[in-house]
N, C-alpha and C. Protein backbone atom coordinates (compact mmCIF):
# COMPACT_ATOMS: atom_id res chain seq x y z
N UNK A 1 46.04 56.20 33.16
CA UNK A 1 47.01 55.47 32.57
C UNK A 1 46.61 54.59 31.55
N UNK A 2 46.83 55.06 29.90
CA UNK A 2 46.51 54.11 29.29
C UNK A 2 47.14 53.03 28.70
N UNK A 3 46.45 52.09 28.38
CA UNK A 3 46.89 50.58 27.92
C UNK A 3 46.77 50.08 26.56
N UNK A 4 47.67 49.63 26.26
CA UNK A 4 47.67 49.33 24.88
C UNK A 4 47.31 47.90 24.76
N UNK A 5 45.87 47.83 24.46
CA UNK A 5 44.96 46.62 24.30
C UNK A 5 43.97 46.36 23.04
N UNK A 6 44.40 45.40 22.56
CA UNK A 6 43.12 45.39 21.49
C UNK A 6 42.16 43.70 21.68
N UNK A 7 41.00 43.95 21.40
CA UNK A 7 40.17 42.68 21.35
C UNK A 7 39.61 42.80 19.82
N UNK A 8 39.81 41.66 19.08
CA UNK A 8 39.25 41.76 17.57
C UNK A 8 38.34 40.60 17.24
N UNK A 9 37.23 40.61 16.90
CA UNK A 9 36.41 39.30 16.49
C UNK A 9 36.55 39.22 14.62
N UNK A 10 36.91 38.46 14.27
CA UNK A 10 36.66 38.17 12.45
C UNK A 10 37.04 36.76 12.03
N UNK A 11 37.38 37.01 10.81
CA UNK A 11 37.71 35.57 10.29
C UNK A 11 38.75 35.68 9.27
N UNK A 12 39.78 34.47 9.55
CA UNK A 12 41.18 34.38 8.91
C UNK A 12 40.58 34.72 7.48
N UNK A 13 41.32 35.27 6.63
CA UNK A 13 41.23 35.41 5.37
C UNK A 13 42.01 34.35 4.66
N UNK A 14 43.21 33.53 5.06
CA UNK A 14 43.87 32.47 4.43
C UNK A 14 44.45 31.79 5.60
N UNK A 15 45.03 30.85 5.31
CA UNK A 15 45.45 30.06 6.20
C UNK A 15 47.15 30.69 6.94
N UNK A 16 47.18 30.47 8.20
CA UNK A 16 48.34 31.33 8.47
C UNK A 16 49.37 30.69 8.16
N UNK A 17 50.68 31.70 8.01
CA UNK A 17 51.92 31.71 7.89
C UNK A 17 52.70 30.88 8.95
N UNK A 18 53.25 30.14 8.99
CA UNK A 18 53.92 29.31 10.26
C UNK A 18 55.39 29.17 9.94
N UNK A 19 56.58 29.52 11.02
CA UNK A 19 57.70 29.27 10.61
C UNK A 19 58.47 29.24 12.04
N UNK A 20 59.49 28.99 12.34
CA UNK A 20 60.68 29.63 13.38
C UNK A 20 61.50 30.62 13.21
N UNK A 21 61.82 31.35 14.32
CA UNK A 21 62.43 32.34 14.13
C UNK A 21 63.86 32.06 14.95
N UNK A 22 65.11 32.69 14.75
CA UNK A 22 65.80 32.20 15.43
C UNK A 22 66.18 33.11 16.77
N UNK A 23 66.17 32.27 17.97
CA UNK A 23 65.80 32.91 19.34
C UNK A 23 67.19 32.74 19.92
N UNK A 24 67.57 33.27 21.27
CA UNK A 24 68.92 33.47 21.88
C UNK A 24 69.43 31.92 22.09
N UNK A 25 68.13 31.11 22.24
CA UNK A 25 69.04 29.63 23.22
C UNK A 25 68.23 28.61 21.94
N UNK A 26 66.85 29.08 21.39
CA UNK A 26 66.49 28.08 20.65
C UNK A 26 65.46 28.50 19.49
N UNK A 27 65.25 27.84 18.45
CA UNK A 27 63.86 28.70 17.76
C UNK A 27 62.70 28.57 18.01
N UNK A 28 62.12 30.16 17.66
CA UNK A 28 60.80 30.46 18.52
C UNK A 28 59.76 30.07 17.40
N UNK A 29 58.76 29.78 17.62
CA UNK A 29 57.43 29.51 16.96
C UNK A 29 56.74 30.98 16.34
N UNK A 30 56.58 30.85 15.63
CA UNK A 30 56.15 32.38 14.71
C UNK A 30 54.89 31.89 13.90
N UNK A 31 53.98 33.08 13.84
CA UNK A 31 52.82 33.12 12.99
C UNK A 31 51.87 34.05 12.61
N UNK A 32 51.88 34.35 11.40
CA UNK A 32 51.29 35.73 10.88
C UNK A 32 49.90 35.11 10.32
N UNK A 33 48.75 35.97 10.43
CA UNK A 33 47.84 36.00 9.65
C UNK A 33 47.09 37.16 9.35
N UNK A 34 45.93 37.29 8.39
CA UNK A 34 45.13 38.27 8.17
C UNK A 34 44.04 38.02 8.75
N UNK A 35 43.25 39.03 9.40
CA UNK A 35 42.14 38.60 10.30
C UNK A 35 40.95 40.17 9.43
N UNK A 36 40.12 39.65 8.76
CA UNK A 36 38.81 40.24 8.28
C UNK A 36 37.99 40.47 9.25
N UNK A 37 38.07 41.82 10.06
CA UNK A 37 37.21 42.31 10.90
C UNK A 37 35.91 43.43 10.25
N UNK A 38 34.89 42.92 10.53
CA UNK A 38 33.84 44.00 10.12
C UNK A 38 33.84 45.44 10.95
N UNK A 39 33.65 46.15 10.47
CA UNK A 39 33.36 47.63 11.11
C UNK A 39 32.19 47.73 11.72
N UNK A 40 32.13 48.32 12.97
CA UNK A 40 30.84 48.54 13.58
C UNK A 40 29.76 49.56 13.20
N UNK A 41 28.59 49.07 12.33
CA UNK A 41 27.60 49.61 11.88
C UNK A 41 26.74 50.38 13.20
N UNK A 42 25.93 51.56 12.94
CA UNK A 42 25.21 51.89 11.55
C UNK A 42 26.22 53.06 11.05
N UNK A 43 27.12 53.63 11.68
CA UNK A 43 27.93 54.70 11.03
C UNK A 43 28.87 54.42 9.93
N UNK A 44 29.76 53.26 10.30
CA UNK A 44 30.73 52.95 9.46
C UNK A 44 30.58 51.43 8.93
N UNK A 45 30.59 51.30 7.74
CA UNK A 45 30.18 50.06 7.18
C UNK A 45 31.36 49.30 6.55
N UNK A 46 31.75 47.91 6.19
CA UNK A 46 32.95 47.92 5.43
C UNK A 46 33.92 46.75 6.36
N UNK A 47 34.90 46.37 6.01
CA UNK A 47 35.77 45.24 6.39
C UNK A 47 37.07 45.88 6.73
N UNK A 48 37.93 45.61 7.56
CA UNK A 48 39.08 46.18 7.95
C UNK A 48 40.11 44.63 7.91
N UNK A 49 41.26 44.61 7.09
CA UNK A 49 42.13 43.34 7.11
C UNK A 49 42.81 44.16 8.06
N UNK A 50 43.31 42.98 9.18
CA UNK A 50 44.25 43.28 10.20
C UNK A 50 45.43 42.40 10.42
N UNK A 51 46.84 42.86 10.22
CA UNK A 51 47.83 41.93 10.37
C UNK A 51 47.93 41.35 11.94
N UNK A 52 47.72 39.82 12.18
CA UNK A 52 47.79 39.67 13.20
C UNK A 52 49.38 38.65 13.21
N UNK A 53 50.12 38.42 14.24
CA UNK A 53 51.22 37.79 14.94
C UNK A 53 51.36 36.96 16.13
N UNK A 54 51.96 35.90 16.38
CA UNK A 54 51.74 35.25 17.68
C UNK A 54 53.24 34.37 17.53
N UNK A 55 53.39 34.38 19.10
CA UNK A 55 54.91 34.01 18.96
C UNK A 55 54.74 32.50 20.25
N UNK A 56 55.86 31.70 20.18
CA UNK A 56 55.64 30.64 21.07
C UNK A 56 54.89 29.75 21.04
N UNK A 57 54.52 29.33 22.39
CA UNK A 57 53.41 27.98 22.46
C UNK A 57 52.13 28.88 21.78
N UNK A 58 51.43 29.67 21.82
CA UNK A 58 50.25 30.12 21.29
C UNK A 58 50.62 29.70 19.63
N UNK A 59 51.86 30.18 19.02
CA UNK A 59 51.63 29.95 17.29
C UNK A 59 51.75 28.35 17.34
N UNK A 60 52.97 27.94 18.10
CA UNK A 60 53.00 26.20 17.83
C UNK A 60 51.23 25.67 17.78
N UNK A 61 51.13 26.07 18.85
CA UNK A 61 49.48 25.27 19.13
C UNK A 61 48.50 25.62 18.07
N UNK A 62 48.14 27.01 18.35
CA UNK A 62 47.16 27.47 17.20
C UNK A 62 47.21 27.32 15.78
N UNK A 63 48.16 27.50 15.14
CA UNK A 63 48.46 27.29 13.73
C UNK A 63 48.02 26.24 13.06
N UNK A 64 47.98 24.99 13.68
CA UNK A 64 47.36 23.71 12.83
C UNK A 64 46.30 24.12 13.11
N UNK A 65 45.04 24.51 14.14
CA UNK A 65 43.84 24.49 14.16
C UNK A 65 42.97 25.71 13.17
N UNK A 66 43.82 26.63 13.08
CA UNK A 66 43.53 28.05 12.02
C UNK A 66 43.57 27.47 10.71
N UNK A 67 42.21 28.14 9.80
CA UNK A 67 42.27 27.86 8.57
C UNK A 67 41.47 28.95 8.08
N UNK A 68 41.69 29.12 6.58
CA UNK A 68 40.98 30.06 5.97
C UNK A 68 39.36 30.09 6.46
N UNK A 69 38.69 31.04 6.73
CA UNK A 69 37.21 31.10 7.24
C UNK A 69 37.22 30.82 8.58
N UNK A 70 37.92 30.58 9.58
CA UNK A 70 37.66 30.29 10.91
C UNK A 70 37.49 31.51 11.67
N UNK A 71 36.57 31.53 12.23
CA UNK A 71 36.08 32.71 13.07
C UNK A 71 36.81 32.65 14.48
N UNK A 72 37.49 33.80 14.97
CA UNK A 72 38.23 33.56 16.20
C UNK A 72 37.95 35.09 16.94
N UNK A 73 38.50 35.45 18.17
CA UNK A 73 38.57 36.06 18.90
C UNK A 73 40.12 36.52 19.40
N UNK A 74 40.52 37.45 19.12
CA UNK A 74 42.00 37.74 19.50
C UNK A 74 42.31 38.77 20.16
N UNK A 75 42.77 38.49 21.39
CA UNK A 75 42.86 39.43 22.47
C UNK A 75 44.67 39.79 22.41
N UNK A 76 45.16 41.20 22.04
CA UNK A 76 46.38 41.47 22.38
C UNK A 76 46.84 42.97 22.27
N UNK A 77 47.89 43.23 21.46
CA UNK A 77 48.39 44.73 21.83
C UNK A 77 48.93 45.16 20.73
N UNK A 78 48.92 46.46 20.46
CA UNK A 78 49.38 46.84 19.07
C UNK A 78 51.00 47.35 19.00
N UNK A 79 51.48 47.09 17.78
CA UNK A 79 52.75 47.02 17.48
C UNK A 79 52.95 47.74 16.21
N UNK A 80 54.07 49.05 16.27
CA UNK A 80 54.48 49.15 15.00
C UNK A 80 55.49 49.22 14.50
N UNK A 81 56.19 48.82 13.40
CA UNK A 81 57.51 48.62 13.44
C UNK A 81 57.67 49.23 12.04
N UNK A 82 59.10 49.78 11.71
CA UNK A 82 59.66 50.60 10.83
C UNK A 82 60.23 49.48 9.82
N UNK A 83 60.16 50.20 8.86
CA UNK A 83 60.75 49.04 7.65
C UNK A 83 61.04 50.07 6.15
N UNK A 84 61.33 49.31 5.42
CA UNK A 84 61.58 49.75 3.91
C UNK A 84 60.90 48.91 2.89
N UNK A 85 60.32 49.58 1.87
CA UNK A 85 59.53 48.91 0.76
C UNK A 85 60.48 48.20 -0.31
N UNK A 86 60.22 47.90 -1.05
CA UNK A 86 60.79 47.34 -2.39
C UNK A 86 61.83 48.81 -3.08
N UNK A 87 61.23 49.62 -2.74
CA UNK A 87 61.85 50.88 -3.46
C UNK A 87 62.90 51.84 -2.52
N UNK A 88 62.76 50.99 -1.38
CA UNK A 88 63.53 51.48 -0.38
C UNK A 88 63.14 52.74 0.29
N UNK A 89 61.86 52.90 0.38
CA UNK A 89 61.58 53.98 1.09
C UNK A 89 60.90 53.53 2.76
N UNK A 90 61.01 54.58 3.65
CA UNK A 90 60.46 54.01 4.85
C UNK A 90 58.94 53.84 4.98
N UNK A 91 58.56 52.82 5.47
CA UNK A 91 57.39 52.25 5.75
C UNK A 91 57.10 52.23 7.36
N UNK A 92 55.88 52.25 7.88
CA UNK A 92 55.23 51.55 9.05
C UNK A 92 54.16 50.66 9.14
N UNK A 93 54.53 49.70 9.78
CA UNK A 93 53.45 48.48 9.82
C UNK A 93 52.91 48.64 11.33
N UNK A 94 51.52 48.35 11.33
CA UNK A 94 51.06 48.12 12.74
C UNK A 94 50.51 46.98 12.49
N UNK A 95 50.50 46.15 13.41
CA UNK A 95 50.16 44.54 13.76
C UNK A 95 49.57 44.39 15.05
N UNK A 96 48.81 43.35 15.44
CA UNK A 96 48.35 43.27 16.78
C UNK A 96 48.95 41.71 16.88
N UNK A 97 49.90 41.86 18.06
CA UNK A 97 50.44 40.74 18.97
C UNK A 97 49.39 40.19 19.60
N UNK A 98 48.99 38.63 18.90
CA UNK A 98 48.16 37.87 19.79
C UNK A 98 48.70 37.64 21.36
N UNK A 99 48.32 37.46 22.18
CA UNK A 99 48.13 37.22 23.64
C UNK A 99 47.14 35.81 23.79
N UNK A 100 46.14 36.04 23.42
CA UNK A 100 44.91 35.01 23.26
C UNK A 100 44.32 34.71 22.39
N UNK A 101 43.99 33.59 21.58
CA UNK A 101 43.15 33.46 20.76
C UNK A 101 42.09 32.45 21.22
N UNK A 102 40.91 32.84 21.08
CA UNK A 102 39.90 31.91 21.21
C UNK A 102 39.00 31.71 19.66
N UNK A 103 38.66 30.12 19.98
CA UNK A 103 38.33 29.72 18.54
C UNK A 103 36.67 29.93 18.61
N UNK A 104 35.75 30.37 17.87
CA UNK A 104 34.45 30.60 18.30
C UNK A 104 33.90 29.69 16.96
N UNK A 105 34.57 29.55 15.49
CA UNK A 105 33.97 28.65 14.71
C UNK A 105 35.16 27.99 14.10
N UNK A 106 35.33 26.90 13.90
CA UNK A 106 36.58 26.29 12.80
C UNK A 106 35.59 25.28 11.74
N UNK A 107 35.89 25.54 10.34
CA UNK A 107 35.69 24.87 9.61
C UNK A 107 35.91 23.13 9.63
N UNK A 108 36.91 22.99 10.10
CA UNK A 108 37.46 21.74 9.85
C UNK A 108 36.83 20.95 11.35
N UNK A 109 36.57 21.82 12.29
CA UNK A 109 36.09 20.99 13.53
C UNK A 109 34.76 20.47 13.07
N UNK A 110 33.79 21.48 12.04
CA UNK A 110 32.87 20.90 11.96
C UNK A 110 32.62 19.81 10.84
N UNK A 111 33.88 19.34 10.41
CA UNK A 111 34.03 18.30 9.25
C UNK A 111 34.68 17.24 10.12
N UNK A 112 35.19 17.25 11.33
CA UNK A 112 35.94 15.98 12.21
C UNK A 112 36.63 16.31 12.81
N UNK A 113 37.60 15.84 13.02
CA UNK A 113 39.22 16.11 13.71
C UNK A 113 40.06 16.03 13.11
N UNK A 114 40.32 16.06 11.80
CA UNK A 114 41.60 16.03 11.27
C UNK A 114 42.56 16.75 11.65
N UNK A 115 42.13 18.14 12.16
CA UNK A 115 42.75 18.85 12.80
C UNK A 115 43.78 18.37 13.68
N UNK A 116 43.40 18.12 14.97
CA UNK A 116 43.80 16.89 15.93
C UNK A 116 44.65 16.19 15.70
N UNK A 117 44.43 15.42 14.54
CA UNK A 117 45.49 14.34 14.32
C UNK A 117 46.83 14.93 13.38
N UNK A 118 46.34 16.28 12.74
CA UNK A 118 47.53 16.96 12.43
C UNK A 118 48.54 17.37 13.19
N UNK A 119 47.83 18.12 14.31
CA UNK A 119 48.78 18.69 15.33
C UNK A 119 49.43 17.40 16.20
N UNK A 120 48.60 16.28 16.55
CA UNK A 120 49.84 15.37 17.01
C UNK A 120 50.79 14.90 16.29
N UNK A 121 50.53 14.49 14.87
CA UNK A 121 51.64 13.88 14.03
C UNK A 121 52.99 14.83 14.04
N UNK A 122 52.29 16.24 13.90
CA UNK A 122 53.63 17.32 13.70
C UNK A 122 54.52 17.51 15.19
N UNK A 123 53.49 17.34 15.99
CA UNK A 123 54.77 17.37 17.61
C UNK A 123 55.15 16.04 17.67
N UNK A 124 54.63 14.99 17.57
CA UNK A 124 55.51 13.69 17.29
C UNK A 124 56.78 13.82 16.39
N UNK A 125 56.82 14.50 15.20
CA UNK A 125 57.86 14.61 14.17
C UNK A 125 58.72 15.65 14.67
N UNK A 126 58.23 16.61 15.37
CA UNK A 126 59.16 17.59 15.71
C UNK A 126 60.00 17.47 16.90
N UNK A 127 58.98 16.66 17.81
CA UNK A 127 59.67 16.48 19.23
C UNK A 127 60.36 14.67 19.22
N UNK A 128 60.44 14.12 18.03
CA UNK A 128 60.64 12.82 17.88
C UNK A 128 60.13 11.96 18.89
N UNK A 129 58.96 11.85 18.92
CA UNK A 129 58.41 11.06 19.92
C UNK A 129 57.67 9.68 19.15
N UNK A 130 57.90 8.58 19.51
CA UNK A 130 57.31 7.47 18.77
C UNK A 130 55.58 7.95 18.55
N UNK A 131 54.94 7.45 17.26
CA UNK A 131 53.58 7.73 16.94
C UNK A 131 52.73 7.36 18.19
N UNK A 132 51.42 7.95 18.61
CA UNK A 132 50.72 7.76 19.42
C UNK A 132 49.60 6.64 18.89
N UNK A 133 49.05 5.72 19.75
CA UNK A 133 48.10 4.77 19.27
C UNK A 133 46.81 4.93 20.22
N UNK A 134 47.12 6.20 20.87
CA UNK A 134 45.75 6.43 21.95
C UNK A 134 45.29 7.73 21.34
N UNK A 135 45.09 8.53 19.92
CA UNK A 135 44.92 9.36 19.59
C UNK A 135 43.20 9.49 19.92
N UNK A 136 42.65 10.66 20.08
CA UNK A 136 41.24 10.91 20.72
C UNK A 136 40.53 10.73 19.11
N UNK A 137 39.43 9.99 19.39
CA UNK A 137 38.34 9.66 18.42
C UNK A 137 37.74 10.76 17.83
N UNK A 138 37.28 10.44 16.56
CA UNK A 138 36.72 11.36 15.87
C UNK A 138 35.19 11.61 16.53
N UNK A 139 34.78 12.71 16.59
CA UNK A 139 33.36 12.93 16.91
C UNK A 139 32.43 12.29 15.93
N UNK A 140 31.54 11.58 16.70
CA UNK A 140 30.49 11.09 15.40
C UNK A 140 29.39 12.07 15.45
N UNK A 141 29.02 12.28 14.07
CA UNK A 141 27.81 12.74 13.64
C UNK A 141 27.84 13.44 12.31
């Protein structure tokens, strides 16, 4: 039996787009970004640019840490959607739906703990939680 599965290692082309989609009971967090993936040498050289999407807690948590240039490993599955372009012509769009995202290298982590502070502040705003005074300390070095 064949399985629809993808594992990709690459770098974010730009910061991810984050929004909420209207769901049945409540809004669903949604994130989209482009991943630059090097082709496997020696036969094929070059870079492919693949669309990655994530939903729910994966999107809510990870979008605050992902930045342009971050090196990540994405595990997920391929999905093809039909649509129309600006001229009204039918199009097919293939994207990877991320189930797991592993951070391999993040530029902001190397510069300090600013991303974690941003995540905590965002969650406090979205969940109406009073500001926390016990934030994680910034790593020395």
